[in-house]
Amino acid sequence: VSLVTGEAFGSPNCVRLSYAASEEELRTAIDR
């Protein structure tokens, strides 16, 4: 599963997750 480090956005304690994806992909990705 690919996410983006928050360091790139000036917040090193966080990660960014886009939910511009299908419900099936979102459920599977977050379970993984």
PDB file of all heavy atoms in Angstrom:
ATOM      1  N   VAL A   1       0.869  -1.182   0.000  1.00  0.00           N
ATOM      2  CA  VAL A   1       0.000   0.000   0.000  1.00  0.00           C
ATOM      3  C   VAL A   1       0.903   1.228   0.000  1.00  0.00           C
ATOM      4  O   VAL A   1       1.817   1.330   0.821  1.00  0.00           O
ATOM      5  CB  VAL A   1      -0.916   0.034   1.240  1.00  0.00           C
ATOM      6  CG1 VAL A   1      -1.717   1.334   1.284  1.00  0.00           C
ATOM      7  CG2 VAL A   1      -1.848  -1.171   1.253  1.00  0.00           C
ATOM      8  N   SER A   2       0.665   2.149  -0.925  1.00  0.00           N
ATOM      9  CA  SER A   2       1.499   3.352  -0.985  1.00  0.00           C
ATOM     10  C   SER A   2       0.776   4.546  -0.366  1.00  0.00           C
ATOM     11  O   SER A   2      -0.357   4.861  -0.731  1.00  0.00           O
ATOM     12  CB  SER A   2       1.921   3.665  -2.423  1.00  0.00           C
ATOM     13  OG  SER A   2       0.823   4.067  -3.203  1.00  0.00           O
ATOM     14  N   LEU A   3       1.456   5.158   0.606  1.00  0.00           N
ATOM     15  CA  LEU A   3       1.021   6.390   1.249  1.00  0.00           C
ATOM     16  C   LEU A   3       2.140   7.413   1.048  1.00  0.00           C
ATOM     17  O   LEU A   3       3.165   7.100   0.447  1.00  0.00           O
ATOM     18  CB  LEU A   3       0.766   6.158   2.742  1.00  0.00           C
ATOM     19  CG  LEU A   3      -0.135   4.977   3.112  1.00  0.00           C
ATOM     20  CD1 LEU A   3      -0.200   4.820   4.632  1.00  0.00           C
ATOM     21  CD2 LEU A   3      -1.529   5.170   2.540  1.00  0.00           C
ATOM     22  N   VAL A   4       1.977   8.621   1.567  1.00  0.00           N
ATOM     23  CA  VAL A   4       3.023   9.629   1.438  1.00  0.00           C
ATOM     24  C   VAL A   4       3.412  10.126   2.830  1.00  0.00           C
ATOM     25  O   VAL A   4       2.546  10.406   3.663  1.00  0.00           O
ATOM     26  CB  VAL A   4       2.566  10.830   0.574  1.00  0.00           C
ATOM     27  CG1 VAL A   4       3.740  11.777   0.336  1.00  0.00           C
ATOM     28  CG2 VAL A   4       1.996  10.368  -0.748  1.00  0.00           C
ATOM     29  N   THR A   5       4.705  10.234   3.063  1.00  0.00           N
ATOM     30  CA  THR A   5       5.185  10.720   4.353  1.00  0.00           C
ATOM     31  C   THR A   5       4.766  12.155   4.619  1.00  0.00           C
ATOM     32  O   THR A   5       4.798  13.013   3.723  1.00  0.00           O
ATOM     33  CB  THR A   5       6.720  10.617   4.431  1.00  0.00           C
ATOM     34  OG1 THR A   5       7.159  11.225   5.655  1.00  0.00           O
ATOM     35  CG2 THR A   5       7.393  11.320   3.254  1.00  0.00           C
ATOM     36  N   GLY A   6       4.398  12.411   5.866  1.00  0.00           N
ATOM     37  CA  GLY A   6       4.033  13.765   6.252  1.00  0.00           C
ATOM     38  C   GLY A   6       5.193  14.734   6.236  1.00  0.00           C
ATOM     39  O   GLY A   6       4.984  15.955   6.226  1.00  0.00           O
ATOM     40  N   GLU A   7       6.432  14.213   6.244  1.00  0.00           N
ATOM     41  CA  GLU A   7       7.596  15.088   6.168  1.00  0.00           C
ATOM     42  C   GLU A   7       7.536  15.971   4.923  1.00  0.00           C
ATOM     43  O   GLU A   7       7.968  17.118   4.943  1.00  0.00           O
ATOM     44  CB  GLU A   7       8.880  14.250   6.146  1.00  0.00           C
ATOM     45  CG  GLU A   7       9.168  13.544   7.467  1.00  0.00           C
ATOM     46  CD  GLU A   7      10.426  12.690   7.399  1.00  0.00           C
ATOM     47  OE1 GLU A   7      11.372  13.102   6.700  1.00  0.00           O
ATOM     48  OE2 GLU A   7      10.452  11.633   8.034  1.00  0.00           O
ATOM     49  N   ALA A   8       6.985  15.422   3.837  1.00  0.00           N
ATOM     50  CA  ALA A   8       6.894  16.178   2.587  1.00  0.00           C
ATOM     51  C   ALA A   8       5.927  17.351   2.694  1.00  0.00           C
ATOM     52  O   ALA A   8       5.996  18.298   1.906  1.00  0.00           O
ATOM     53  CB  ALA A   8       6.443  15.253   1.460  1.00  0.00           C
ATOM     54  N   PHE A   9       5.037  17.298   3.687  1.00  0.00           N
ATOM     55  CA  PHE A   9       4.024  18.345   3.865  1.00  0.00           C
ATOM     56  C   PHE A   9       4.321  19.221   5.079  1.00  0.00           C
ATOM     57  O   PHE A   9       3.477  20.015   5.485  1.00  0.00           O
ATOM     58  CB  PHE A   9       2.640  17.707   4.020  1.00  0.00           C
ATOM     59  CG  PHE A   9       2.250  16.797   2.894  1.00  0.00           C
ATOM     60  CD1 PHE A   9       2.428  15.423   3.007  1.00  0.00           C
ATOM     61  CD2 PHE A   9       1.707  17.292   1.720  1.00  0.00           C
ATOM     62  CE1 PHE A   9       2.062  14.574   1.971  1.00  0.00           C
ATOM     63  CE2 PHE A   9       1.342  16.452   0.687  1.00  0.00           C
ATOM     64  CZ  PHE A   9       1.530  15.080   0.808  1.00  0.00           C
ATOM     65  N   GLY A  10       5.503  19.040   5.669  1.00  0.00           N
ATOM     66  CA  GLY A  10       5.879  19.847   6.820  1.00  0.00           C
ATOM     67  C   GLY A  10       5.390  19.321   8.143  1.00  0.00           C
ATOM     68  O   GLY A  10       5.465  20.022   9.161  1.00  0.00           O
ATOM     69  N   SER A  11       4.908  18.057   8.192  1.00  0.00           N
ATOM     70  CA  SER A  11       4.414  17.458   9.433  1.00  0.00           C
ATOM     71  C   SER A  11       4.982  16.048   9.577  1.00  0.00           C
ATOM     72  O   SER A  11       4.357  15.068   9.149  1.00  0.00           O
ATOM     73  CB  SER A  11       2.883  17.414   9.439  1.00  0.00           C
ATOM     74  OG  SER A  11       2.342  18.706   9.440  1.00  0.00           O
ATOM     75  N   PRO A  12       6.170  15.935  10.169  1.00  0.00           N
ATOM     76  CA  PRO A  12       6.894  14.661  10.162  1.00  0.00           C
ATOM     77  C   PRO A  12       6.275  13.542  10.978  1.00  0.00           C
ATOM     78  O   PRO A  12       6.733  12.395  10.868  1.00  0.00           O
ATOM     79  CB  PRO A  12       8.276  15.049  10.709  1.00  0.00           C
ATOM     80  CG  PRO A  12       8.061  16.304  11.479  1.00  0.00           C
ATOM     81  CD  PRO A  12       6.969  17.029  10.771  1.00  0.00           C
ATOM     82  N   ASN A  13       5.254  13.828  11.781  1.00  0.00           N
ATOM     83  CA  ASN A  13       4.621  12.763  12.568  1.00  0.00           C
ATOM     84  C   ASN A  13       3.455  12.093  11.842  1.00  0.00           C
ATOM     85  O   ASN A  13       2.848  11.171  12.382  1.00  0.00           O
ATOM     86  CB  ASN A  13       4.105  13.308  13.900  1.00  0.00           C
ATOM     87  CG  ASN A  13       5.224  13.610  14.870  1.00  0.00           C
ATOM     88  OD1 ASN A  13       6.347  13.125  14.705  1.00  0.00           O
ATOM     89  ND2 ASN A  13       4.937  14.400  15.887  1.00  0.00           N
ATOM     90  N   CYS A  14       3.171  12.555  10.625  1.00  0.00           N
ATOM     91  CA  CYS A  14       1.956  12.113   9.950  1.00  0.00           C
ATOM     92  C   CYS A  14       2.249  11.431   8.613  1.00  0.00           C
ATOM     93  O   CYS A  14       3.363  11.493   8.094  1.00  0.00           O
ATOM     94  CB  CYS A  14       1.037  13.307   9.711  1.00  0.00           C
ATOM     95  SG  CYS A  14       0.509  14.152  11.230  1.00  0.00           S
ATOM     96  N   VAL A  15       1.225  10.774   8.082  1.00  0.00           N
ATOM     97  CA  VAL A  15       1.250  10.279   6.706  1.00  0.00           C
ATOM     98  C   VAL A  15      -0.032  10.741   6.026  1.00  0.00           C
ATOM     99  O   VAL A  15      -1.051  10.964   6.683  1.00  0.00           O
ATOM    100  CB  VAL A  15       1.360   8.736   6.623  1.00  0.00           C
ATOM    101  CG1 VAL A  15       2.657   8.242   7.246  1.00  0.00           C
ATOM    102  CG2 VAL A  15       0.153   8.057   7.261  1.00  0.00           C
ATOM    103  N   ARG A  16       0.036  10.887   4.704  1.00  0.00           N
ATOM    104  CA  ARG A  16      -1.169  11.251   3.962  1.00  0.00           C
ATOM    105  C   ARG A  16      -1.716  10.044   3.228  1.00  0.00           C
ATOM    106  O   ARG A  16      -0.990   9.320   2.547  1.00  0.00           O
ATOM    107  CB  ARG A  16      -0.896  12.360   2.943  1.00  0.00           C
ATOM    108  CG  ARG A  16      -2.183  12.941   2.351  1.00  0.00           C
ATOM    109  CD  ARG A  16      -1.929  13.875   1.185  1.00  0.00           C
ATOM    110  NE  ARG A  16      -1.591  13.145  -0.043  1.00  0.00           N
ATOM    111  CZ  ARG A  16      -1.488  13.706  -1.247  1.00  0.00           C
ATOM    112  NH1 ARG A  16      -1.676  15.008  -1.375  1.00  0.00           N
ATOM    113  NH2 ARG A  16      -1.169  12.989  -2.311  1.00  0.00           N
ATOM    114  N   LEU A  17      -3.006   9.856   3.369  1.00  0.00           N
ATOM    115  CA  LEU A  17      -3.727   8.776   2.695  1.00  0.00           C
ATOM    116  C   LEU A  17      -4.842   9.386   1.873  1.00  0.00           C
ATOM    117  O   LEU A  17      -5.665  10.149   2.394  1.00  0.00           O
ATOM    118  CB  LEU A  17      -4.291   7.802   3.732  1.00  0.00           C
ATOM    119  CG  LEU A  17      -5.152   6.636   3.267  1.00  0.00           C
ATOM    120  CD1 LEU A  17      -4.996   5.468   4.259  1.00  0.00           C
ATOM    121  CD2 LEU A  17      -6.641   6.997   3.169  1.00  0.00           C
ATOM    122  N   SER A  18      -4.873   9.085   0.587  1.00  0.00           N
ATOM    123  CA  SER A  18      -5.953   9.562  -0.281  1.00  0.00           C
ATOM    124  C   SER A  18      -7.062   8.527  -0.330  1.00  0.00           C
ATOM    125  O   SER A  18      -6.792   7.328  -0.508  1.00  0.00           O
ATOM    126  CB  SER A  18      -5.416   9.805  -1.697  1.00  0.00           C
ATOM    127  OG  SER A  18      -6.491   9.966  -2.611  1.00  0.00           O
ATOM    128  N   TYR A  19      -8.303   8.973  -0.159  1.00  0.00           N
ATOM    129  CA  TYR A  19      -9.409   8.025  -0.302  1.00  0.00           C
ATOM    130  C   TYR A  19     -10.148   8.224  -1.629  1.00  0.00           C
ATOM    131  O   TYR A  19     -11.325   7.875  -1.778  1.00  0.00           O
ATOM    132  CB  TYR A  19     -10.363   8.064   0.894  1.00  0.00           C
ATOM    133  CG  TYR A  19     -11.000   9.387   1.253  1.00  0.00           C
ATOM    134  CD1 TYR A  19     -12.228   9.755   0.712  1.00  0.00           C
ATOM    135  CD2 TYR A  19     -10.409  10.237   2.178  1.00  0.00           C
ATOM    136  CE1 TYR A  19     -12.832  10.947   1.072  1.00  0.00           C
ATOM    137  CE2 TYR A  19     -10.999  11.432   2.544  1.00  0.00           C
ATOM    138  CZ  TYR A  19     -12.219  11.781   1.990  1.00  0.00           C
ATOM    139  OH  TYR A  19     -12.821  12.972   2.348  1.00  0.00           O
ATOM    140  N   ALA A  20      -9.411   8.727  -2.614  1.00  0.00           N
ATOM    141  CA  ALA A  20      -9.938   8.781  -3.982  1.00  0.00           C
ATOM    142  C   ALA A  20      -9.699   7.415  -4.637  1.00  0.00           C
ATOM    143  O   ALA A  20      -8.920   7.260  -5.572  1.00  0.00           O
ATOM    144  CB  ALA A  20      -9.260   9.889  -4.772  1.00  0.00           C
ATOM    145  N   ALA A  21     -10.364   6.421  -4.092  1.00  0.00           N
ATOM    146  CA  ALA A  21     -10.238   5.036  -4.555  1.00  0.00           C
ATOM    147  C   ALA A  21     -11.555   4.333  -4.265  1.00  0.00           C
ATOM    148  O   ALA A  21     -12.398   4.847  -3.522  1.00  0.00           O
ATOM    149  CB  ALA A  21      -9.081   4.335  -3.844  1.00  0.00           C
ATOM    150  N   SER A  22     -11.726   3.152  -4.828  1.00  0.00           N
ATOM    151  CA  SER A  22     -12.983   2.427  -4.640  1.00  0.00           C
ATOM    152  C   SER A  22     -13.104   1.916  -3.210  1.00  0.00           C
ATOM    153  O   SER A  22     -12.098   1.754  -2.499  1.00  0.00           O
ATOM    154  CB  SER A  22     -13.056   1.242  -5.596  1.00  0.00           C
ATOM    155  OG  SER A  22     -12.108   0.245  -5.237  1.00  0.00           O
ATOM    156  N   GLU A  23     -14.334   1.648  -2.784  1.00  0.00           N
ATOM    157  CA  GLU A  23     -14.552   1.125  -1.432  1.00  0.00           C
ATOM    158  C   GLU A  23     -13.802  -0.191  -1.235  1.00  0.00           C
ATOM    159  O   GLU A  23     -13.198  -0.413  -0.174  1.00  0.00           O
ATOM    160  CB  GLU A  23     -16.045   0.921  -1.186  1.00  0.00           C
ATOM    161  CG  GLU A  23     -16.339   0.361   0.198  1.00  0.00           C
ATOM    162  CD  GLU A  23     -17.825   0.226   0.490  1.00  0.00           C
ATOM    163  OE1 GLU A  23     -18.630   0.979  -0.094  1.00  0.00           O
ATOM    164  OE2 GLU A  23     -18.167  -0.652   1.316  1.00  0.00           O
ATOM    165  N   GLU A  24     -13.812  -1.035  -2.228  1.00  0.00           N
ATOM    166  CA  GLU A  24     -13.112  -2.321  -2.119  1.00  0.00           C
ATOM    167  C   GLU A  24     -11.611  -2.099  -1.911  1.00  0.00           C
ATOM    168  O   GLU A  24     -10.991  -2.745  -1.050  1.00  0.00           O
ATOM    169  CB  GLU A  24     -13.345  -3.157  -3.373  1.00  0.00           C
ATOM    170  CG  GLU A  24     -12.652  -4.516  -3.330  1.00  0.00           C
ATOM    171  CD  GLU A  24     -12.844  -5.317  -4.612  1.00  0.00           C
ATOM    172  OE1 GLU A  24     -13.535  -4.824  -5.531  1.00  0.00           O
ATOM    173  OE2 GLU A  24     -12.292  -6.431  -4.694  1.00  0.00           O
ATOM    174  N   GLU A  25     -11.023  -1.193  -2.707  1.00  0.00           N
ATOM    175  CA  GLU A  25      -9.593  -0.906  -2.559  1.00  0.00           C
ATOM    176  C   GLU A  25      -9.295  -0.323  -1.182  1.00  0.00           C
ATOM    177  O   GLU A  25      -8.285  -0.671  -0.553  1.00  0.00           O
ATOM    178  CB  GLU A  25      -9.139   0.067  -3.644  1.00  0.00           C
ATOM    179  CG  GLU A  25      -9.016  -0.538  -5.025  1.00  0.00           C
ATOM    180  CD  GLU A  25      -8.556   0.489  -6.043  1.00  0.00           C
ATOM    181  OE1 GLU A  25      -9.132   1.595  -6.082  1.00  0.00           O
ATOM    182  OE2 GLU A  25      -7.616   0.183  -6.791  1.00  0.00           O
ATOM    183  N   LEU A  26     -10.144   0.572  -0.713  1.00  0.00           N
ATOM    184  CA  LEU A  26      -9.918   1.207   0.581  1.00  0.00           C
ATOM    185  C   LEU A  26      -9.990   0.195   1.714  1.00  0.00           C
ATOM    186  O   LEU A  26      -9.127   0.180   2.609  1.00  0.00           O
ATOM    187  CB  LEU A  26     -10.937   2.325   0.803  1.00  0.00           C
ATOM    188  CG  LEU A  26     -10.784   3.541  -0.113  1.00  0.00           C
ATOM    189  CD1 LEU A  26     -11.997   4.450  -0.025  1.00  0.00           C
ATOM    190  CD2 LEU A  26      -9.517   4.322   0.231  1.00  0.00           C
ATOM    191  N   ARG A  27     -11.003  -0.662   1.671  1.00  0.00           N
ATOM    192  CA  ARG A  27     -11.130  -1.685   2.719  1.00  0.00           C
ATOM    193  C   ARG A  27      -9.921  -2.628   2.715  1.00  0.00           C
ATOM    194  O   ARG A  27      -9.340  -2.935   3.761  1.00  0.00           O
ATOM    195  CB  ARG A  27     -12.413  -2.492   2.526  1.00  0.00           C
ATOM    196  CG  ARG A  27     -13.688  -1.749   2.891  1.00  0.00           C
ATOM    197  CD  ARG A  27     -14.904  -2.655   2.778  1.00  0.00           C
ATOM    198  NE  ARG A  27     -16.144  -1.982   3.079  1.00  0.00           N
ATOM    199  CZ  ARG A  27     -16.624  -1.768   4.316  1.00  0.00           C
ATOM    200  NH1 ARG A  27     -15.917  -2.198   5.359  1.00  0.00           N
ATOM    201  NH2 ARG A  27     -17.758  -1.153   4.497  1.00  0.00           N
ATOM    202  N   THR A  28      -9.544  -3.073   1.520  1.00  0.00           N
ATOM    203  CA  THR A  28      -8.420  -4.004   1.402  1.00  0.00           C
ATOM    204  C   THR A  28      -7.120  -3.351   1.844  1.00  0.00           C
ATOM    205  O   THR A  28      -6.325  -3.936   2.595  1.00  0.00           O
ATOM    206  CB  THR A  28      -8.282  -4.500  -0.057  1.00  0.00           C
ATOM    207  OG1 THR A  28      -9.494  -5.140  -0.446  1.00  0.00           O
ATOM    208  CG2 THR A  28      -7.123  -5.477  -0.190  1.00  0.00           C
ATOM    209  N   ALA A  29      -6.894  -2.124   1.384  1.00  0.00           N
ATOM    210  CA  ALA A  29      -5.649  -1.424   1.709  1.00  0.00           C
ATOM    211  C   ALA A  29      -5.504  -1.205   3.206  1.00  0.00           C
ATOM    212  O   ALA A  29      -4.438  -1.469   3.789  1.00  0.00           O
ATOM    213  CB  ALA A  29      -5.597  -0.091   0.970  1.00  0.00           C
ATOM    214  N   ILE A  30      -6.553  -0.735   3.855  1.00  0.00           N
ATOM    215  CA  ILE A  30      -6.457  -0.431   5.282  1.00  0.00           C
ATOM    216  C   ILE A  30      -6.345  -1.714   6.097  1.00  0.00           C
ATOM    217  O   ILE A  30      -5.639  -1.754   7.123  1.00  0.00           O
ATOM    218  CB  ILE A  30      -7.641   0.446   5.723  1.00  0.00           C
ATOM    219  CG1 ILE A  30      -7.559   1.803   4.994  1.00  0.00           C
ATOM    220  CG2 ILE A  30      -7.637   0.658   7.239  1.00  0.00           C
ATOM    221  CD1 ILE A  30      -8.768   2.688   5.160  1.00  0.00           C
ATOM    222  N   ASP A  31      -6.967  -2.775   5.654  1.00  0.00           N
ATOM    223  CA  ASP A  31      -6.803  -4.075   6.315  1.00  0.00           C
ATOM    224  C   ASP A  31      -5.346  -4.542   6.220  1.00  0.00           C
ATOM    225  O   ASP A  31      -4.766  -5.034   7.195  1.00  0.00           O
ATOM    226  CB  ASP A  31      -7.737  -5.102   5.679  1.00  0.00           C
ATOM    227  CG  ASP A  31      -7.652  -6.468   6.374  1.00  0.00           C
ATOM    228  OD1 ASP A  31      -7.931  -6.525   7.588  1.00  0.00           O
ATOM    229  OD2 ASP A  31      -7.289  -7.460   5.696  1.00  0.00           O
ATOM    230  N   ARG A  32      -4.750  -4.374   5.037  1.00  0.00           N
ATOM    231  CA  ARG A  32      -3.338  -4.740   4.861  1.00  0.00           C
ATOM    232  C   ARG A  32      -2.436  -3.908   5.774  1.00  0.00           C
ATOM    233  O   ARG A  32      -1.483  -4.417   6.377  1.00  0.00           O
ATOM    234  CB  ARG A  32      -2.913  -4.518   3.413  1.00  0.00           C
ATOM    235  CG  ARG A  32      -3.470  -5.501   2.403  1.00  0.00           C
ATOM    236  CD  ARG A  32      -2.839  -5.154   1.051  1.00  0.00           C
ATOM    237  NE  ARG A  32      -3.442  -5.853  -0.062  1.00  0.00           N
ATOM    238  CZ  ARG A  32      -3.083  -5.633  -1.329  1.00  0.00           C
ATOM    239  NH1 ARG A  32      -2.142  -4.734  -1.601  1.00  0.00           N
ATOM    240  NH2 ARG A  32      -3.658  -6.297  -2.319  1.00  0.00           N
TER     241      ARG A  32
END
